[in-house]
Amino acid sequence: RQLNVCLVNGTSFRYNYDEAVPDWVMRNQRMAYYASVSYVDEHVGAILNVLEEEGVSNSTIVVFHSDHGYALGEHGYWEKKSNFDLTVRVPLIMRVPGVTNQVGYNGKTSELFDL
C-alpha cells in the first residue's frame, strides 16, 4: 500500500515498505532520535547528580524504562509500528542500593510487568 506523507512544512514524499524513504528523511529521523536520547541522558544524569548532592543516592531506588523501542529504517520500518524485537524490547535500568552494585548487563529476561 502506497502512502503519501505530507509534512507540516508542505514537503511530501511517497512511502511504502517496498521503497526506502528519501535519504534526507532518514537523516532527519535519525538525527531527531539521537537528539532525544541525548536530551533524556542529560536529564537522567542531572537527577542522579542531585540525588548524590543531597546525600540520598544510597537510600534511593532508581528505575529507568521506556514504553517502546523505535525503528530507524531497519526492515523498512520507521517509528514503533511493528513487532520486531527492535520495537518491542525496551531499556530497563535499575539501581537498588546494596543490591545492584555493579554496572552492566545481567542477561536475564524481565518484563515491565515485573516492576
Protein backbone atom coordinates (compact mmCIF):
# COMPACT_ATOMS: atom_id res chain seq x y z
CA ARG A 1 0.00 0.00 0.00
CA GLN A 2 1.40 3.34 -1.05
CA LEU A 3 1.30 6.27 1.35
CA ASN A 4 1.93 9.87 0.56
CA VAL A 5 3.47 11.54 3.60
CA CYS A 6 2.99 15.29 3.83
CA LEU A 7 4.93 17.17 6.48
CA VAL A 8 3.76 20.31 8.26
CA ASN A 9 6.11 22.43 6.14
CA GLY A 10 4.41 21.18 2.96
CA THR A 11 7.17 18.78 1.92
CA SER A 12 5.90 15.40 0.84
CA PHE A 13 7.29 12.03 -0.25
CA ARG A 14 5.98 8.61 -1.19
CA TYR A 15 6.38 5.81 1.34
CA ASN A 16 5.74 2.08 1.36
CA TYR A 17 7.54 -0.97 2.69
CA ASP A 18 9.00 -1.83 -0.71
CA GLU A 19 10.62 1.56 -1.22
CA ALA A 20 13.07 3.31 1.07
CA VAL A 21 12.28 6.76 2.41
CA PRO A 22 14.38 9.54 0.89
CA ASP A 23 17.87 9.95 2.36
CA TRP A 24 17.03 13.37 3.82
CA VAL A 25 14.09 11.85 5.73
CA MET A 26 16.29 9.04 7.04
CA ARG A 27 18.94 11.52 8.20
CA ASN A 28 16.38 13.82 9.85
CA GLN A 29 14.61 10.94 11.63
CA ARG A 30 17.86 9.53 12.98
CA MET A 31 19.15 12.95 13.98
CA ALA A 32 15.91 13.68 15.87
CA TYR A 33 16.00 10.28 17.58
CA TYR A 34 19.60 10.65 18.72
CA ALA A 35 18.91 14.20 19.90
CA SER A 36 16.03 12.95 22.05
CA VAL A 37 18.23 10.18 23.50
CA SER A 38 20.92 12.74 24.35
CA TYR A 39 18.30 15.01 25.95
CA VAL A 40 16.99 12.20 28.16
CA ASP A 41 20.53 11.09 29.04
CA GLU A 42 21.46 14.61 30.13
CA HIS A 43 18.40 14.93 32.37
CA VAL A 44 18.72 11.48 33.91
CA GLY A 45 22.31 12.42 34.72
CA ALA A 46 21.11 15.66 36.32
CA ILE A 47 18.65 13.75 38.51
CA LEU A 48 21.35 11.31 39.59
CA ASN A 49 23.69 14.22 40.39
CA VAL A 50 21.04 15.87 42.60
CA LEU A 51 20.48 12.59 44.46
CA GLU A 52 24.23 12.42 45.08
CA GLU A 53 24.48 16.09 46.11
CA GLU A 54 21.57 15.73 48.54
CA GLY A 55 23.16 12.64 50.06
CA VAL A 56 20.22 10.37 49.29
CA SER A 57 21.65 8.30 46.44
CA ASN A 58 22.44 5.41 48.79
CA SER A 59 18.84 5.27 50.02
CA THR A 60 17.01 5.86 46.74
CA ILE A 61 15.92 3.23 44.22
CA VAL A 62 16.24 4.47 40.65
CA VAL A 63 14.31 2.80 37.82
CA PHE A 64 14.50 3.92 34.20
CA HIS A 65 12.44 2.36 31.42
CA SER A 66 10.70 3.24 28.20
CA ASP A 67 7.33 2.21 26.81
CA HIS A 68 8.56 1.01 23.40
CA GLY A 69 11.55 0.74 21.12
CA TYR A 70 11.95 2.72 17.93
CA ALA A 71 12.85 1.57 14.42
CA LEU A 72 15.18 3.75 12.37
CA GLY A 73 14.70 2.09 8.99
CA GLU A 74 15.56 -1.47 9.97
CA HIS A 75 13.46 -3.98 7.98
CA GLY A 76 12.00 -0.96 6.17
CA TYR A 77 10.16 0.16 9.30
CA TRP A 78 10.16 3.54 10.97
CA GLU A 79 8.98 4.59 14.41
CA LYS A 80 7.20 1.99 16.57
CA LYS A 81 4.79 0.38 14.15
CA SER A 82 5.93 -3.25 14.11
CA ASN A 83 6.52 -6.21 16.37
CA PHE A 84 10.17 -6.75 15.51
CA ASP A 85 12.45 -7.12 18.54
CA LEU A 86 13.75 -3.63 17.94
CA THR A 87 10.41 -2.03 18.80
CA VAL A 88 9.13 -4.41 21.46
CA ARG A 89 12.29 -4.50 23.57
CA VAL A 90 12.77 -1.59 25.92
CA PRO A 91 15.52 -0.36 28.21
CA LEU A 92 15.20 -1.29 31.86
CA ILE A 93 17.88 0.13 34.12
CA MET A 94 17.67 -0.24 37.88
CA ARG A 95 19.86 0.86 40.74
CA VAL A 96 18.94 -0.51 44.13
CA PRO A 97 21.42 0.48 46.85
CA GLY A 98 23.01 -2.58 48.40
CA VAL A 99 21.66 -4.89 45.69
CA THR A 100 22.85 -3.60 42.31
CA ASN A 101 26.41 -2.51 42.93
CA GLN A 102 27.87 -3.46 39.58
CA VAL A 103 27.34 -1.63 36.33
CA GLY A 104 26.48 -3.89 33.42
CA TYR A 105 24.06 -6.16 31.68
CA ASN A 106 22.99 -9.27 33.55
CA GLY A 107 21.49 -11.09 30.57
CA LYS A 108 18.29 -12.03 32.38
CA THR A 109 14.89 -11.56 30.79
CA SER A 110 12.46 -9.27 32.56
CA GLU A 111 9.24 -7.55 31.67
CA LEU A 112 7.85 -4.19 32.71
CA PHE A 113 5.09 -6.23 34.34
CA ASP A 114 7.80 -7.45 36.76
CA LEU A 115 8.09 -3.93 38.14
